């Protein structure tokens, strides 16, 4: 049986084009099934600020109201995800990008309070 490899990358890689390309080239060469999970909070924050939407953080966690959810969806599921897929295709890694909402992959409920 093949082992599924799951790798998570964050903003330090995503926000640096050279690091992202190098990482994705290495990731594309991993043998067998693999999943790449990515963040993108810094870009989401920048987009929110550009749109004059306040960003709320508590203990390093983003408080996601309706407007923030729209931004996060655009940034994570759109710009970042599709950029990663395109780079992986460049490295002959046949990739697809989807979010937790696709196929009802991830279900969530609103947390009542962080404190």
PDB file of N, CA and C in Angstrom:
ATOM      1  N   UNK A   1       0.838  -1.175   0.000  1.00  0.00           N
ATOM      2  CA  UNK A   1       0.000   0.000   0.000  1.00  0.00           C
ATOM      3  C   UNK A   1       0.891   1.249   0.000  1.00  0.00           C
ATOM      4  N   UNK A   2       0.503   2.237  -0.814  1.00  0.00           N
ATOM      5  CA  UNK A   2       1.252   3.489  -0.873  1.00  0.00           C
ATOM      6  C   UNK A   2       0.859   4.387   0.287  1.00  0.00           C
ATOM      7  N   UNK A   3       1.828   5.107   0.810  1.00  0.00           N
ATOM      8  CA  UNK A   3       1.586   6.035   1.908  1.00  0.00           C
ATOM      9  C   UNK A   3       1.188   7.393   1.337  1.00  0.00           C
ATOM     10  N   UNK A   4       0.101   7.937   1.856  1.00  0.00           N
ATOM     11  CA  UNK A   4      -0.334   9.280   1.482  1.00  0.00           C
ATOM     12  C   UNK A   4       0.488  10.286   2.266  1.00  0.00           C
ATOM     13  N   UNK A   5       1.123  11.199   1.548  1.00  0.00           N
ATOM     14  CA  UNK A   5       1.918  12.250   2.188  1.00  0.00           C
ATOM     15  C   UNK A   5       1.087  13.524   2.223  1.00  0.00           C
ATOM     16  N   UNK A   6       0.970  14.141   3.392  1.00  0.00           N
ATOM     17  CA  UNK A   6       0.251  15.399   3.551  1.00  0.00           C
ATOM     18  C   UNK A   6       1.240  16.422   4.074  1.00  0.00           C
ATOM     19  N   UNK A   7       1.381  17.524   3.339  1.00  0.00           N
ATOM     20  CA  UNK A   7       2.347  18.560   3.679  1.00  0.00           C
ATOM     21  C   UNK A   7       1.599  19.886   3.803  1.00  0.00           C
ATOM     22  N   UNK A   8       1.887  20.647   4.856  1.00  0.00           N
ATOM     23  CA  UNK A   8       1.278  21.964   5.081  1.00  0.00           C
ATOM     24  C   UNK A   8       2.358  23.023   4.943  1.00  0.00           C
ATOM     25  N   UNK A   9       2.054  24.067   4.153  1.00  0.00           N
ATOM     26  CA  UNK A   9       2.972  25.197   4.051  1.00  0.00           C
ATOM     27  C   UNK A   9       2.244  26.464   4.476  1.00  0.00           C
ATOM     28  N   UNK A  10       3.006  27.408   4.962  1.00  0.00           N
ATOM     29  CA  UNK A  10       2.436  28.658   5.437  1.00  0.00           C
ATOM     30  C   UNK A  10       2.980  29.844   4.678  1.00  0.00           C
ATOM     31  N   UNK A  11       2.738  31.002   5.259  1.00  0.00           N
ATOM     32  CA  UNK A  11       3.041  32.266   4.606  1.00  0.00           C
ATOM     33  C   UNK A  11       4.495  32.504   4.289  1.00  0.00           C
ATOM     34  N   UNK A  12       5.410  31.997   5.107  1.00  0.00           N
ATOM     35  CA  UNK A  12       6.825  32.245   4.834  1.00  0.00           C
ATOM     36  C   UNK A  12       7.244  31.681   3.488  1.00  0.00           C
ATOM     37  N   UNK A  13       6.650  30.581   3.095  1.00  0.00           N
ATOM     38  CA  UNK A  13       6.949  30.008   1.778  1.00  0.00           C
ATOM     39  C   UNK A  13       6.071  30.669   0.718  1.00  0.00           C
ATOM     40  N   UNK A  14       4.783  30.782   0.988  1.00  0.00           N
ATOM     41  CA  UNK A  14       3.835  31.312   0.007  1.00  0.00           C
ATOM     42  C   UNK A  14       4.182  32.738  -0.401  1.00  0.00           C
ATOM     43  N   UNK A  15       4.645  33.544   0.530  1.00  0.00           N
ATOM     44  CA  UNK A  15       4.905  34.958   0.262  1.00  0.00           C
ATOM     45  C   UNK A  15       6.241  35.229  -0.414  1.00  0.00           C
ATOM     46  N   UNK A  16       7.038  34.203  -0.627  1.00  0.00           N
ATOM     47  CA  UNK A  16       8.346  34.366  -1.258  1.00  0.00           C
ATOM     48  C   UNK A  16       8.362  33.525  -2.536  1.00  0.00           C
ATOM     49  N   UNK A  17       8.309  34.184  -3.676  1.00  0.00           N
ATOM     50  CA  UNK A  17       8.196  33.485  -4.963  1.00  0.00           C
ATOM     51  C   UNK A  17       9.303  32.467  -5.172  1.00  0.00           C
ATOM     52  N   UNK A  18      10.536  32.821  -4.823  1.00  0.00           N
ATOM     53  CA  UNK A  18      11.658  31.885  -5.014  1.00  0.00           C
ATOM     54  C   UNK A  18      11.517  30.658  -4.127  1.00  0.00           C
ATOM     55  N   UNK A  19      11.174  30.885  -2.861  1.00  0.00           N
ATOM     56  CA  UNK A  19      10.993  29.750  -1.948  1.00  0.00           C
ATOM     57  C   UNK A  19       9.820  28.881  -2.382  1.00  0.00           C
ATOM     58  N   UNK A  20       8.730  29.517  -2.805  1.00  0.00           N
ATOM     59  CA  UNK A  20       7.556  28.763  -3.236  1.00  0.00           C
ATOM     60  C   UNK A  20       7.887  27.892  -4.438  1.00  0.00           C
ATOM     61  N   UNK A  21       8.558  28.461  -5.431  1.00  0.00           N
ATOM     62  CA  UNK A  21       8.927  27.681  -6.610  1.00  0.00           C
ATOM     63  C   UNK A  21       9.842  26.523  -6.263  1.00  0.00           C
ATOM     64  N   UNK A  22      10.838  26.771  -5.437  1.00  0.00           N
ATOM     65  CA  UNK A  22      11.758  25.702  -5.035  1.00  0.00           C
ATOM     66  C   UNK A  22      11.026  24.612  -4.261  1.00  0.00           C
ATOM     67  N   UNK A  23      10.170  25.029  -3.322  1.00  0.00           N
ATOM     68  CA  UNK A  23       9.407  24.050  -2.547  1.00  0.00           C
ATOM     69  C   UNK A  23       8.522  23.207  -3.458  1.00  0.00           C
ATOM     70  N   UNK A  24       7.792  23.869  -4.367  1.00  0.00           N
ATOM     71  CA  UNK A  24       6.862  23.134  -5.222  1.00  0.00           C
ATOM     72  C   UNK A  24       7.587  22.226  -6.208  1.00  0.00           C
ATOM     73  N   UNK A  25       8.763  22.615  -6.624  1.00  0.00           N
ATOM     74  CA  UNK A  25       9.544  21.723  -7.483  1.00  0.00           C
ATOM     75  C   UNK A  25       9.906  20.454  -6.709  1.00  0.00           C
ATOM     76  N   UNK A  26      10.340  20.611  -5.467  1.00  0.00           N
ATOM     77  CA  UNK A  26      10.651  19.438  -4.633  1.00  0.00           C
ATOM     78  C   UNK A  26       9.401  18.626  -4.329  1.00  0.00           C
ATOM     79  N   UNK A  27       8.305  19.308  -3.993  1.00  0.00           N
ATOM     80  CA  UNK A  27       7.054  18.621  -3.691  1.00  0.00           C
ATOM     81  C   UNK A  27       6.581  17.812  -4.895  1.00  0.00           C
ATOM     82  N   UNK A  28       6.717  18.378  -6.086  1.00  0.00           N
ATOM     83  CA  UNK A  28       6.253  17.693  -7.296  1.00  0.00           C
ATOM     84  C   UNK A  28       7.000  16.387  -7.536  1.00  0.00           C
ATOM     85  N   UNK A  29       8.189  16.269  -6.988  1.00  0.00           N
ATOM     86  CA  UNK A  29       9.009  15.077  -7.206  1.00  0.00           C
ATOM     87  C   UNK A  29       8.769  13.986  -6.163  1.00  0.00           C
ATOM     88  N   UNK A  30       7.952  14.278  -5.155  1.00  0.00           N
ATOM     89  CA  UNK A  30       7.625  13.236  -4.182  1.00  0.00           C
ATOM     90  C   UNK A  30       6.888  12.110  -4.883  1.00  0.00           C
ATOM     91  N   UNK A  31       7.287  10.895  -4.617  1.00  0.00           N
ATOM     92  CA  UNK A  31       6.632   9.742  -5.224  1.00  0.00           C
ATOM     93  C   UNK A  31       5.332   9.434  -4.504  1.00  0.00           C
ATOM     94  N   UNK A  32       4.376   8.934  -5.232  1.00  0.00           N
ATOM     95  CA  UNK A  32       3.133   8.471  -4.637  1.00  0.00           C
ATOM     96  C   UNK A  32       2.124   9.577  -4.410  1.00  0.00           C
ATOM     97  N   UNK A  33       0.996   9.205  -3.806  1.00  0.00           N
ATOM     98  CA  UNK A  33      -0.071  10.184  -3.572  1.00  0.00           C
ATOM     99  C   UNK A  33       0.337  11.226  -2.538  1.00  0.00           C
ATOM    100  N   UNK A  34      -0.068  12.466  -2.792  1.00  0.00           N
ATOM    101  CA  UNK A  34       0.316  13.549  -1.888  1.00  0.00           C
ATOM    102  C   UNK A  34      -0.754  14.633  -1.899  1.00  0.00           C
ATOM    103  N   UNK A  35      -0.842  15.319  -0.774  1.00  0.00           N
ATOM    104  CA  UNK A  35      -1.758  16.441  -0.615  1.00  0.00           C
ATOM    105  C   UNK A  35      -0.959  17.607  -0.061  1.00  0.00           C
ATOM    106  N   UNK A  36      -1.176  18.777  -0.633  1.00  0.00           N
ATOM    107  CA  UNK A  36      -0.538  19.991  -0.141  1.00  0.00           C
ATOM    108  C   UNK A  36      -1.624  20.883   0.450  1.00  0.00           C
ATOM    109  N   UNK A  37      -1.458  21.241   1.701  1.00  0.00           N
ATOM    110  CA  UNK A  37      -2.373  22.142   2.396  1.00  0.00           C
ATOM    111  C   UNK A  37      -1.631  23.466   2.562  1.00  0.00           C
ATOM    112  N   UNK A  38      -2.306  24.561   2.237  1.00  0.00           N
ATOM    113  CA  UNK A  38      -1.614  25.848   2.320  1.00  0.00           C
ATOM    114  C   UNK A  38      -2.427  26.879   3.090  1.00  0.00           C
ATOM    115  N   UNK A  39      -1.700  27.827   3.626  1.00  0.00           N
ATOM    116  CA  UNK A  39      -2.297  28.982   4.273  1.00  0.00           C
ATOM    117  C   UNK A  39      -2.250  30.165   3.323  1.00  0.00           C
ATOM    118  N   UNK A  40      -2.292  31.342   3.901  1.00  0.00           N
ATOM    119  CA  UNK A  40      -2.252  32.556   3.089  1.00  0.00           C
ATOM    120  C   UNK A  40      -2.747  33.765   3.846  1.00  0.00           C
ATOM    121  N   UNK A  41      -2.628  33.695   5.156  1.00  0.00           N
ATOM    122  CA  UNK A  41      -3.178  34.745   6.003  1.00  0.00           C
ATOM    123  C   UNK A  41      -2.635  36.130   5.743  1.00  0.00           C
ATOM    124  N   UNK A  42      -1.361  36.242   5.419  1.00  0.00           N
ATOM    125  CA  UNK A  42      -0.777  37.563   5.196  1.00  0.00           C
ATOM    126  C   UNK A  42      -1.428  38.240   3.990  1.00  0.00           C
ATOM    127  N   UNK A  43      -1.599  37.503   2.905  1.00  0.00           N
ATOM    128  CA  UNK A  43      -2.238  38.083   1.727  1.00  0.00           C
ATOM    129  C   UNK A  43      -3.702  38.399   2.007  1.00  0.00           C
ATOM    130  N   UNK A  44      -4.382  37.546   2.752  1.00  0.00           N
ATOM    131  CA  UNK A  44      -5.785  37.813   3.113  1.00  0.00           C
ATOM    132  C   UNK A  44      -5.880  39.106   3.922  1.00  0.00           C
ATOM    133  N   UNK A  45      -4.946  39.308   4.831  1.00  0.00           N
ATOM    134  CA  UNK A  45      -4.926  40.534   5.624  1.00  0.00           C
ATOM    135  C   UNK A  45      -4.679  41.747   4.740  1.00  0.00           C
ATOM    136  N   UNK A  46      -3.739  41.628   3.802  1.00  0.00           N
ATOM    137  CA  UNK A  46      -3.447  42.738   2.893  1.00  0.00           C
ATOM    138  C   UNK A  46      -4.671  43.091   2.046  1.00  0.00           C
ATOM    139  N   UNK A  47      -5.365  42.082   1.540  1.00  0.00           N
ATOM    140  CA  UNK A  47      -6.556  42.332   0.717  1.00  0.00           C
ATOM    141  C   UNK A  47      -7.642  42.989   1.565  1.00  0.00           C
ATOM    142  N   UNK A  48      -7.830  42.501   2.783  1.00  0.00           N
ATOM    143  CA  UNK A  48      -8.838  43.095   3.674  1.00  0.00           C
ATOM    144  C   UNK A  48      -8.524  44.564   3.934  1.00  0.00           C
ATOM    145  N   UNK A  49      -7.268  44.869   4.198  1.00  0.00           N
ATOM    146  CA  UNK A  49      -6.884  46.255   4.455  1.00  0.00           C
ATOM    147  C   UNK A  49      -7.109  47.125   3.221  1.00  0.00           C
ATOM    148  N   UNK A  50      -6.811  46.594   2.047  1.00  0.00           N
ATOM    149  CA  UNK A  50      -7.043  47.323   0.802  1.00  0.00           C
ATOM    150  C   UNK A  50      -8.523  47.628   0.615  1.00  0.00           C
ATOM    151  N   UNK A  51      -9.377  46.713   1.064  1.00  0.00           N
ATOM    152  CA  UNK A  51     -10.826  46.875   0.916  1.00  0.00           C
ATOM    153  C   UNK A  51     -11.449  47.572   2.132  1.00  0.00           C
ATOM    154  N   UNK A  52     -10.584  48.079   3.039  1.00  0.00           N
ATOM    155  CA  UNK A  52     -11.037  48.764   4.257  1.00  0.00           C
ATOM    156  C   UNK A  52     -11.953  47.896   5.123  1.00  0.00           C
ATOM    157  N   UNK A  53     -11.619  46.613   5.210  1.00  0.00           N
ATOM    158  CA  UNK A  53     -12.355  45.683   6.063  1.00  0.00           C
ATOM    159  C   UNK A  53     -11.449  45.363   7.249  1.00  0.00           C
ATOM    160  N   UNK A  54     -11.899  45.650   8.462  1.00  0.00           N
ATOM    161  CA  UNK A  54     -11.046  45.406   9.621  1.00  0.00           C
ATOM    162  C   UNK A  54     -10.743  43.921   9.818  1.00  0.00           C
ATOM    163  N   UNK A  55      -9.506  43.648  10.197  1.00  0.00           N
ATOM    164  CA  UNK A  55      -9.075  42.283  10.490  1.00  0.00           C
ATOM    165  C   UNK A  55      -9.045  42.122  11.997  1.00  0.00           C
ATOM    166  N   UNK A  56      -9.750  41.128  12.488  1.00  0.00           N
ATOM    167  CA  UNK A  56      -9.794  40.869  13.926  1.00  0.00           C
ATOM    168  C   UNK A  56      -9.014  39.597  14.219  1.00  0.00           C
ATOM    169  N   UNK A  57      -8.066  39.714  15.150  1.00  0.00           N
ATOM    170  CA  UNK A  57      -7.268  38.560  15.568  1.00  0.00           C
ATOM    171  C   UNK A  57      -7.336  38.457  17.084  1.00  0.00           C
ATOM    172  N   UNK A  58      -7.473  37.236  17.572  1.00  0.00           N
ATOM    173  CA  UNK A  58      -7.405  36.960  19.007  1.00  0.00           C
ATOM    174  C   UNK A  58      -6.438  35.801  19.191  1.00  0.00           C
ATOM    175  N   UNK A  59      -5.374  36.046  19.953  1.00  0.00           N
ATOM    176  CA  UNK A  59      -4.347  35.032  20.205  1.00  0.00           C
ATOM    177  C   UNK A  59      -3.841  34.413  18.910  1.00  0.00           C
ATOM    178  N   UNK A  60      -3.647  35.238  17.889  1.00  0.00           N
ATOM    179  CA  UNK A  60      -3.116  34.777  16.620  1.00  0.00           C
ATOM    180  C   UNK A  60      -4.125  34.083  15.718  1.00  0.00           C
ATOM    181  N   UNK A  61      -5.384  34.050  16.124  1.00  0.00           N
ATOM    182  CA  UNK A  61      -6.421  33.396  15.322  1.00  0.00           C
ATOM    183  C   UNK A  61      -7.328  34.452  14.704  1.00  0.00           C
ATOM    184  N   UNK A  62      -7.580  34.285  13.408  1.00  0.00           N
ATOM    185  CA  UNK A  62      -8.428  35.217  12.677  1.00  0.00           C
ATOM    186  C   UNK A  62      -9.884  35.008  13.076  1.00  0.00           C
ATOM    187  N   UNK A  63     -10.566  36.097  13.389  1.00  0.00           N
ATOM    188  CA  UNK A  63     -12.001  36.057  13.643  1.00  0.00           C
ATOM    189  C   UNK A  63     -12.671  36.277  12.286  1.00  0.00           C
ATOM    190  N   UNK A  64     -13.433  35.305  11.851  1.00  0.00           N
ATOM    191  CA  UNK A  64     -13.948  35.310  10.487  1.00  0.00           C
ATOM    192  C   UNK A  64     -15.429  35.646  10.463  1.00  0.00           C
ATOM    193  N   UNK A  65     -15.720  36.924  10.185  1.00  0.00           N
ATOM    194  CA  UNK A  65     -17.110  37.331   9.974  1.00  0.00           C
ATOM    195  C   UNK A  65     -17.425  37.137   8.489  1.00  0.00           C
ATOM    196  N   UNK A  66     -18.614  37.510   8.059  1.00  0.00           N
ATOM    197  CA  UNK A  66     -19.046  37.261   6.676  1.00  0.00           C
ATOM    198  C   UNK A  66     -18.134  37.934   5.649  1.00  0.00           C
ATOM    199  N   UNK A  67     -17.761  39.184   5.888  1.00  0.00           N
ATOM    200  CA  UNK A  67     -16.905  39.890   4.934  1.00  0.00           C
ATOM    201  C   UNK A  67     -15.512  39.263   4.879  1.00  0.00           C
ATOM    202  N   UNK A  68     -15.001  38.891   6.034  1.00  0.00           N
ATOM    203  CA  UNK A  68     -13.686  38.258   6.080  1.00  0.00           C
ATOM    204  C   UNK A  68     -13.725  36.893   5.399  1.00  0.00           C
ATOM    205  N   UNK A  69     -14.814  36.163   5.567  1.00  0.00           N
ATOM    206  CA  UNK A  69     -14.950  34.868   4.898  1.00  0.00           C
ATOM    207  C   UNK A  69     -14.912  35.035   3.385  1.00  0.00           C
ATOM    208  N   UNK A  70     -15.543  36.078   2.873  1.00  0.00           N
ATOM    209  CA  UNK A  70     -15.486  36.354   1.432  1.00  0.00           C
ATOM    210  C   UNK A  70     -14.049  36.565   0.982  1.00  0.00           C
ATOM    211  N   UNK A  71     -13.294  37.346   1.735  1.00  0.00           N
ATOM    212  CA  UNK A  71     -11.902  37.632   1.382  1.00  0.00           C
ATOM    213  C   UNK A  71     -11.052  36.378   1.462  1.00  0.00           C
ATOM    214  N   UNK A  72     -11.198  35.636   2.539  1.00  0.00           N
ATOM    215  CA  UNK A  72     -10.412  34.411   2.721  1.00  0.00           C
ATOM    216  C   UNK A  72     -10.714  33.424   1.593  1.00  0.00           C
ATOM    217  N   UNK A  73     -11.967  33.315   1.212  1.00  0.00           N
ATOM    218  CA  UNK A  73     -12.341  32.414   0.122  1.00  0.00           C
ATOM    219  C   UNK A  73     -11.686  32.852  -1.188  1.00  0.00           C
ATOM    220  N   UNK A  74     -11.728  34.146  -1.473  1.00  0.00           N
ATOM    221  CA  UNK A  74     -11.109  34.659  -2.701  1.00  0.00           C
ATOM    222  C   UNK A  74      -9.599  34.421  -2.711  1.00  0.00           C
ATOM    223  N   UNK A  75      -8.970  34.706  -1.590  1.00  0.00           N
ATOM    224  CA  UNK A  75      -7.508  34.647  -1.535  1.00  0.00           C
ATOM    225  C   UNK A  75      -7.013  33.206  -1.474  1.00  0.00           C
ATOM    226  N   UNK A  76      -7.523  32.416  -0.538  1.00  0.00           N
ATOM    227  CA  UNK A  76      -7.046  31.036  -0.379  1.00  0.00           C
ATOM    228  C   UNK A  76      -7.507  30.142  -1.530  1.00  0.00           C
ATOM    229  N   UNK A  77      -8.820  30.173  -1.813  1.00  0.00           N
ATOM    230  CA  UNK A  77      -9.385  29.285  -2.826  1.00  0.00           C
ATOM    231  C   UNK A  77      -9.157  29.767  -4.241  1.00  0.00           C
ATOM    232  N   UNK A  78      -8.830  31.028  -4.383  1.00  0.00           N
ATOM    233  CA  UNK A  78      -8.611  31.601  -5.702  1.00  0.00           C
ATOM    234  C   UNK A  78      -7.143  31.831  -5.979  1.00  0.00           C
ATOM    235  N   UNK A  79      -6.680  33.009  -5.650  1.00  0.00           N
ATOM    236  CA  UNK A  79      -5.328  33.433  -6.030  1.00  0.00           C
ATOM    237  C   UNK A  79      -4.231  32.465  -5.607  1.00  0.00           C
ATOM    238  N   UNK A  80      -4.157  32.156  -4.335  1.00  0.00           N
ATOM    239  CA  UNK A  80      -3.055  31.311  -3.856  1.00  0.00           C
ATOM    240  C   UNK A  80      -3.185  29.894  -4.400  1.00  0.00           C
ATOM    241  N   UNK A  81      -4.370  29.314  -4.279  1.00  0.00           N
ATOM    242  CA  UNK A  81      -4.577  27.936  -4.704  1.00  0.00           C
ATOM    243  C   UNK A  81      -4.282  27.759  -6.193  1.00  0.00           C
ATOM    244  N   UNK A  82      -4.813  28.636  -7.009  1.00  0.00           N
ATOM    245  CA  UNK A  82      -4.626  28.478  -8.453  1.00  0.00           C
ATOM    246  C   UNK A  82      -3.194  28.765  -8.876  1.00  0.00           C
ATOM    247  N   UNK A  83      -2.506  29.658  -8.171  1.00  0.00           N
ATOM    248  CA  UNK A  83      -1.091  29.897  -8.436  1.00  0.00           C
ATOM    249  C   UNK A  83      -0.279  28.640  -8.130  1.00  0.00           C
ATOM    250  N   UNK A  84      -0.559  28.001  -7.002  1.00  0.00           N
ATOM    251  CA  UNK A  84       0.142  26.765  -6.636  1.00  0.00           C
ATOM    252  C   UNK A  84      -0.120  25.676  -7.668  1.00  0.00           C
ATOM    253  N   UNK A  85      -1.379  25.511  -8.073  1.00  0.00           N
ATOM    254  CA  UNK A  85      -1.714  24.494  -9.075  1.00  0.00           C
ATOM    255  C   UNK A  85      -0.952  24.759 -10.375  1.00  0.00           C
ATOM    256  N   UNK A  86      -0.911  26.009 -10.813  1.00  0.00           N
ATOM    257  CA  UNK A  86      -0.218  26.346 -12.060  1.00  0.00           C
ATOM    258  C   UNK A  86       1.271  26.031 -11.970  1.00  0.00           C
ATOM    259  N   UNK A  87       1.890  26.350 -10.849  1.00  0.00           N
ATOM    260  CA  UNK A  87       3.320  26.066 -10.687  1.00  0.00           C
ATOM    261  C   UNK A  87       3.559  24.562 -10.671  1.00  0.00           C
ATOM    262  N   UNK A  88       2.702  23.812  -9.966  1.00  0.00           N
ATOM    263  CA  UNK A  88       2.863  22.350  -9.954  1.00  0.00           C
ATOM    264  C   UNK A  88       2.714  21.773 -11.360  1.00  0.00           C
ATOM    265  N   UNK A  89       1.788  22.295 -12.148  1.00  0.00           N
ATOM    266  CA  UNK A  89       1.634  21.827 -13.527  1.00  0.00           C
ATOM    267  C   UNK A  89       2.923  22.098 -14.320  1.00  0.00           C
ATOM    268  N   UNK A  90       3.545  23.252 -14.055  1.00  0.00           N
ATOM    269  CA  UNK A  90       4.803  23.596 -14.730  1.00  0.00           C
ATOM    270  C   UNK A  90       5.864  22.525 -14.455  1.00  0.00           C
ATOM    271  N   UNK A  91       5.796  21.938 -13.250  1.00  0.00           N
ATOM    272  CA  UNK A  91       6.766  20.901 -12.876  1.00  0.00           C
ATOM    273  C   UNK A  91       6.245  19.494 -13.166  1.00  0.00           C
ATOM    274  N   UNK A  92       5.288  19.394 -14.094  1.00  0.00           N
ATOM    275  CA  UNK A  92       4.713  18.112 -14.532  1.00  0.00           C
ATOM    276  C   UNK A  92       4.068  17.325 -13.407  1.00  0.00           C
ATOM    277  N   UNK A  93       3.538  18.044 -12.436  1.00  0.00           N
ATOM    278  CA  UNK A  93       2.783  17.425 -11.337  1.00  0.00           C
ATOM    279  C   UNK A  93       1.315  17.732 -11.607  1.00  0.00           C
ATOM    280  N   UNK A  94       0.569  16.749 -12.056  1.00  0.00           N
ATOM    281  CA  UNK A  94      -0.825  16.962 -12.423  1.00  0.00           C
ATOM    282  C   UNK A  94      -1.627  17.235 -11.159  1.00  0.00           C
ATOM    283  N   UNK A  95      -1.937  18.491 -10.916  1.00  0.00           N
ATOM    284  CA  UNK A  95      -2.540  18.923  -9.656  1.00  0.00           C
ATOM    285  C   UNK A  95      -3.946  19.464  -9.865  1.00  0.00           C
ATOM    286  N   UNK A  96      -4.757  19.313  -8.834  1.00  0.00           N
ATOM    287  CA  UNK A  96      -6.051  19.978  -8.783  1.00  0.00           C
ATOM    288  C   UNK A  96      -6.104  20.734  -7.466  1.00  0.00           C
ATOM    289  N   UNK A  97      -6.829  21.827  -7.464  1.00  0.00           N
ATOM    290  CA  UNK A  97      -6.962  22.618  -6.247  1.00  0.00           C
ATOM    291  C   UNK A  97      -8.415  22.692  -5.840  1.00  0.00           C
ATOM    292  N   UNK A  98      -8.647  22.483  -4.565  1.00  0.00           N
ATOM    293  CA  UNK A  98     -10.011  22.634  -4.072  1.00  0.00           C
ATOM    294  C   UNK A  98      -9.980  23.109  -2.636  1.00  0.00           C
ATOM    295  N   UNK A  99     -11.134  23.556  -2.160  1.00  0.00           N
ATOM    296  CA  UNK A  99     -11.242  24.031  -0.788  1.00  0.00           C
ATOM    297  C   UNK A  99     -12.028  23.012   0.026  1.00  0.00           C
ATOM    298  N   UNK A 100     -12.074  23.227   1.308  1.00  0.00           N
ATOM    299  CA  UNK A 100     -12.842  22.347   2.181  1.00  0.00           C
ATOM    300  C   UNK A 100     -14.330  22.363   1.868  1.00  0.00           C
ATOM    301  N   UNK A 101     -14.801  23.416   1.206  1.00  0.00           N
ATOM    302  CA  UNK A 101     -16.215  23.496   0.836  1.00  0.00           C
ATOM    303  C   UNK A 101     -16.533  22.589  -0.348  1.00  0.00           C
ATOM    304  N   UNK A 102     -15.552  22.334  -1.202  1.00  0.00           N
ATOM    305  CA  UNK A 102     -15.774  21.485  -2.373  1.00  0.00           C
ATOM    306  C   UNK A 102     -16.067  20.058  -1.923  1.00  0.00           C
ATOM    307  N   UNK A 103     -17.165  19.534  -2.400  1.00  0.00           N
ATOM    308  CA  UNK A 103     -17.544  18.172  -2.038  1.00  0.00           C
ATOM    309  C   UNK A 103     -17.876  18.011  -0.571  1.00  0.00           C
ATOM    310  N   UNK A 104     -18.104  19.151   0.110  1.00  0.00           N
ATOM    311  CA  UNK A 104     -18.396  19.123   1.552  1.00  0.00           C
ATOM    312  C   UNK A 104     -17.283  18.406   2.326  1.00  0.00           C
ATOM    313  N   UNK A 105     -16.051  18.612   1.851  1.00  0.00           N
ATOM    314  CA  UNK A 105     -14.889  17.927   2.408  1.00  0.00           C
ATOM    315  C   UNK A 105     -14.668  18.249   3.881  1.00  0.00           C
ATOM    316  N   UNK A 106     -14.819  19.520   4.237  1.00  0.00           N
ATOM    317  CA  UNK A 106     -14.618  19.935   5.625  1.00  0.00           C
ATOM    318  C   UNK A 106     -15.891  20.598   6.114  1.00  0.00           C
ATOM    319  N   UNK A 107     -16.369  20.139   7.245  1.00  0.00           N
ATOM    320  CA  UNK A 107     -17.549  20.740   7.853  1.00  0.00           C
ATOM    321  C   UNK A 107     -17.104  21.495   9.106  1.00  0.00           C
ATOM    322  N   UNK A 108     -17.709  22.637   9.321  1.00  0.00           N
ATOM    323  CA  UNK A 108     -17.320  23.461  10.455  1.00  0.00           C
ATOM    324  C   UNK A 108     -18.552  24.014  11.134  1.00  0.00           C
ATOM    325  N   UNK A 109     -18.350  24.428  12.378  1.00  0.00           N
ATOM    326  CA  UNK A 109     -19.415  25.114  13.106  1.00  0.00           C
ATOM    327  C   UNK A 109     -18.796  26.328  13.760  1.00  0.00           C
ATOM    328  N   UNK A 110     -19.622  27.331  13.963  1.00  0.00           N
ATOM    329  CA  UNK A 110     -19.173  28.571  14.562  1.00  0.00           C
ATOM    330  C   UNK A 110     -18.797  28.335  16.012  1.00  0.00           C
ATOM    331  N   UNK A 111     -17.626  28.820  16.386  1.00  0.00           N
ATOM    332  CA  UNK A 111     -17.183  28.733  17.768  1.00  0.00           C
ATOM    333  C   UNK A 111     -17.829  29.881  18.528  1.00  0.00           C
ATOM    334  N   UNK A 112     -18.387  29.606  19.667  1.00  0.00           N
ATOM    335  CA  UNK A 112     -19.124  30.621  20.418  1.00  0.00           C
ATOM    336  C   UNK A 112     -18.210  31.711  20.960  1.00  0.00           C
ATOM    337  N   UNK A 113     -17.087  31.326  21.519  1.00  0.00           N
ATOM    338  CA  UNK A 113     -16.217  32.320  22.099  1.00  0.00           C
ATOM    339  C   UNK A 113     -14.820  31.758  22.216  1.00  0.00           C
ATOM    340  N   UNK A 114     -13.845  32.619  21.997  1.00  0.00           N
ATOM    341  CA  UNK A 114     -12.461  32.202  22.183  1.00  0.00           C
ATOM    342  C   UNK A 114     -12.008  32.425  23.613  1.00  0.00           C
ATOM    343  N   UNK A 115     -12.761  33.138  24.376  1.00  0.00           N
ATOM    344  CA  UNK A 115     -12.371  33.413  25.771  1.00  0.00           C
ATOM    345  C   UNK A 115     -13.455  32.990  26.699  1.00  0.00           C
TER     346      UNK A 115
END
